[in-house]
Amino acid sequence: MAQRIEDWQSVTRVVERREPLDGGVRLVFGDTPPLSDISRLALAEYECCPFFAFAVTIDGRGTALEVTAPPEGADVLAAAFGTAA
């Protein structure tokens, strides 16, 4: 668990911006997103905390990880992934 938190911190350090989503946050990455790390960590996180939902999006807005949770998981989501400014 501690290693996964450290790994998430490393991945989220390269997030360019956070955008609000209904029930979550969209983490927008730059030109070289660490997709293999994002995928590995999202799978591990979901196995641990299945109330999270993860989606990697690659479109005209850029590459992003969308993370959502039910209302009772909002505090955990904010603590782990931050909030949109």
C-alpha atoms as a PDB file:
ATOM      1  CA  MET A   1       0.000   0.000   0.000  1.00  0.00           C
ATOM      2  CA  ALA A   2       2.735   2.475   0.951  1.00  0.00           C
ATOM      3  CA  GLN A   3       4.615   1.707  -2.267  1.00  0.00           C
ATOM      4  CA  ARG A   4       1.459   2.218  -4.343  1.00  0.00           C
ATOM      5  CA  ILE A   5       0.848   5.599  -2.720  1.00  0.00           C
ATOM      6  CA  GLU A   6       4.428   6.580  -3.498  1.00  0.00           C
ATOM      7  CA  ASP A   7       3.981   5.363  -7.083  1.00  0.00           C
ATOM      8  CA  TRP A   8       0.763   7.399  -7.478  1.00  0.00           C
ATOM      9  CA  GLN A   9       2.554  10.472  -6.145  1.00  0.00           C
ATOM     10  CA  SER A  10       5.240   9.985  -8.755  1.00  0.00           C
ATOM     11  CA  VAL A  11       2.664   9.648 -11.557  1.00  0.00           C
ATOM     12  CA  THR A  12       0.539  12.579 -10.421  1.00  0.00           C
ATOM     13  CA  ARG A  13       3.583  14.848 -10.238  1.00  0.00           C
ATOM     14  CA  VAL A  14       3.490  15.039 -14.040  1.00  0.00           C
ATOM     15  CA  VAL A  15      -0.205  15.981 -14.185  1.00  0.00           C
ATOM     16  CA  GLU A  16      -0.559  19.320 -15.973  1.00  0.00           C
ATOM     17  CA  ARG A  17      -4.027  20.093 -14.654  1.00  0.00           C
ATOM     18  CA  ARG A  18      -7.041  18.644 -12.897  1.00  0.00           C
ATOM     19  CA  GLU A  19     -10.539  19.095 -14.254  1.00  0.00           C
ATOM     20  CA  PRO A  20     -13.757  18.436 -12.358  1.00  0.00           C
ATOM     21  CA  LEU A  21     -15.887  15.431 -13.240  1.00  0.00           C
ATOM     22  CA  ASP A  22     -19.240  14.462 -11.856  1.00  0.00           C
ATOM     23  CA  GLY A  23     -18.160  12.356  -8.888  1.00  0.00           C
ATOM     24  CA  GLY A  24     -14.444  12.737  -9.481  1.00  0.00           C
ATOM     25  CA  VAL A  25     -11.518  14.348 -11.206  1.00  0.00           C
ATOM     26  CA  ARG A  26      -9.840  14.224 -14.622  1.00  0.00           C
ATOM     27  CA  LEU A  27      -6.028  14.211 -14.435  1.00  0.00           C
ATOM     28  CA  VAL A  28      -4.633  15.660 -17.667  1.00  0.00           C
ATOM     29  CA  PHE A  29      -1.100  14.652 -18.624  1.00  0.00           C
ATOM     30  CA  GLY A  30       1.388  16.280 -20.966  1.00  0.00           C
ATOM     31  CA  ASP A  31       3.017  14.960 -24.117  1.00  0.00           C
ATOM     32  CA  THR A  32       4.583  11.859 -22.545  1.00  0.00           C
ATOM     33  CA  PRO A  33       2.077  10.360 -20.116  1.00  0.00           C
ATOM     34  CA  PRO A  34       3.312   7.329 -18.158  1.00  0.00           C
ATOM     35  CA  LEU A  35       0.556   5.092 -19.553  1.00  0.00           C
ATOM     36  CA  SER A  36       2.026   1.784 -18.389  1.00  0.00           C
ATOM     37  CA  ASP A  37       2.367   3.106 -14.832  1.00  0.00           C
ATOM     38  CA  ILE A  38      -1.126   4.594 -14.926  1.00  0.00           C
ATOM     39  CA  SER A  39      -2.618   1.300 -16.089  1.00  0.00           C
ATOM     40  CA  ARG A  40      -0.700  -0.790 -13.567  1.00  0.00           C
ATOM     41  CA  LEU A  41      -1.609   1.477 -10.668  1.00  0.00           C
ATOM     42  CA  ALA A  42      -5.258   1.852 -11.658  1.00  0.00           C
ATOM     43  CA  LEU A  43      -5.648  -1.934 -11.753  1.00  0.00           C
ATOM     44  CA  ALA A  44      -3.987  -2.334  -8.345  1.00  0.00           C
ATOM     45  CA  GLU A  45      -6.075   0.474  -6.880  1.00  0.00           C
ATOM     46  CA  TYR A  46      -9.298  -0.999  -8.203  1.00  0.00           C
ATOM     47  CA  GLU A  47      -8.428  -4.400  -6.728  1.00  0.00           C
ATOM     48  CA  CYS A  48      -7.897  -2.702  -3.370  1.00  0.00           C
ATOM     49  CA  CYS A  49     -10.735  -0.183  -3.534  1.00  0.00           C
ATOM     50  CA  PRO A  50     -13.407  -1.289  -6.031  1.00  0.00           C
ATOM     51  CA  PHE A  51     -15.521   1.793  -5.336  1.00  0.00           C
ATOM     52  CA  PHE A  52     -13.131   3.729  -7.602  1.00  0.00           C
ATOM     53  CA  ALA A  53     -13.717   3.754 -11.361  1.00  0.00           C
ATOM     54  CA  PHE A  54     -10.846   4.550 -13.733  1.00  0.00           C
ATOM     55  CA  ALA A  55     -10.858   5.516 -17.412  1.00  0.00           C
ATOM     56  CA  VAL A  56      -7.909   6.511 -19.569  1.00  0.00           C
ATOM     57  CA  THR A  57      -8.986   8.931 -22.276  1.00  0.00           C
ATOM     58  CA  ILE A  58      -6.975   9.915 -25.318  1.00  0.00           C
ATOM     59  CA  ASP A  59      -8.720  12.502 -27.458  1.00  0.00           C
ATOM     60  CA  GLY A  60      -8.528  16.087 -28.676  1.00  0.00           C
ATOM     61  CA  ARG A  61      -8.352  17.305 -25.078  1.00  0.00           C
ATOM     62  CA  GLY A  62      -5.166  15.306 -24.476  1.00  0.00           C
ATOM     63  CA  THR A  63      -4.368  12.182 -22.501  1.00  0.00           C
ATOM     64  CA  ALA A  64      -6.018  11.877 -19.117  1.00  0.00           C
ATOM     65  CA  LEU A  65      -6.973   9.571 -16.314  1.00  0.00           C
ATOM     66  CA  GLU A  66     -10.537   9.995 -15.118  1.00  0.00           C
ATOM     67  CA  VAL A  67     -11.147   8.810 -11.565  1.00  0.00           C
ATOM     68  CA  THR A  68     -14.593   8.696 -10.005  1.00  0.00           C
ATOM     69  CA  ALA A  69     -16.080   7.365  -6.792  1.00  0.00           C
ATOM     70  CA  PRO A  70     -19.469   7.347  -5.088  1.00  0.00           C
ATOM     71  CA  PRO A  71     -20.174  10.202  -2.644  1.00  0.00           C
ATOM     72  CA  GLU A  72     -18.979   8.170   0.350  1.00  0.00           C
ATOM     73  CA  GLY A  73     -15.568   7.790  -1.362  1.00  0.00           C
ATOM     74  CA  ALA A  74     -15.147  11.470  -2.245  1.00  0.00           C
ATOM     75  CA  ASP A  75     -12.733  12.233   0.605  1.00  0.00           C
ATOM     76  CA  VAL A  76     -10.509   9.267  -0.269  1.00  0.00           C
ATOM     77  CA  LEU A  77     -10.554  10.257  -3.942  1.00  0.00           C
ATOM     78  CA  ALA A  78      -9.567  13.862  -3.135  1.00  0.00           C
ATOM     79  CA  ALA A  79      -6.793  12.719  -0.798  1.00  0.00           C
ATOM     80  CA  ALA A  80      -5.361  10.293  -3.333  1.00  0.00           C
ATOM     81  CA  PHE A  81      -5.789  12.234  -6.586  1.00  0.00           C
ATOM     82  CA  GLY A  82      -6.410  15.858  -5.663  1.00  0.00           C
ATOM     83  CA  THR A  83      -9.248  18.092  -6.719  1.00  0.00           C
ATOM     84  CA  ALA A  84      -9.844  20.372  -9.670  1.00  0.00           C
ATOM     85  CA  ALA A  85      -8.919  23.967  -9.039  1.00  0.00           C
END
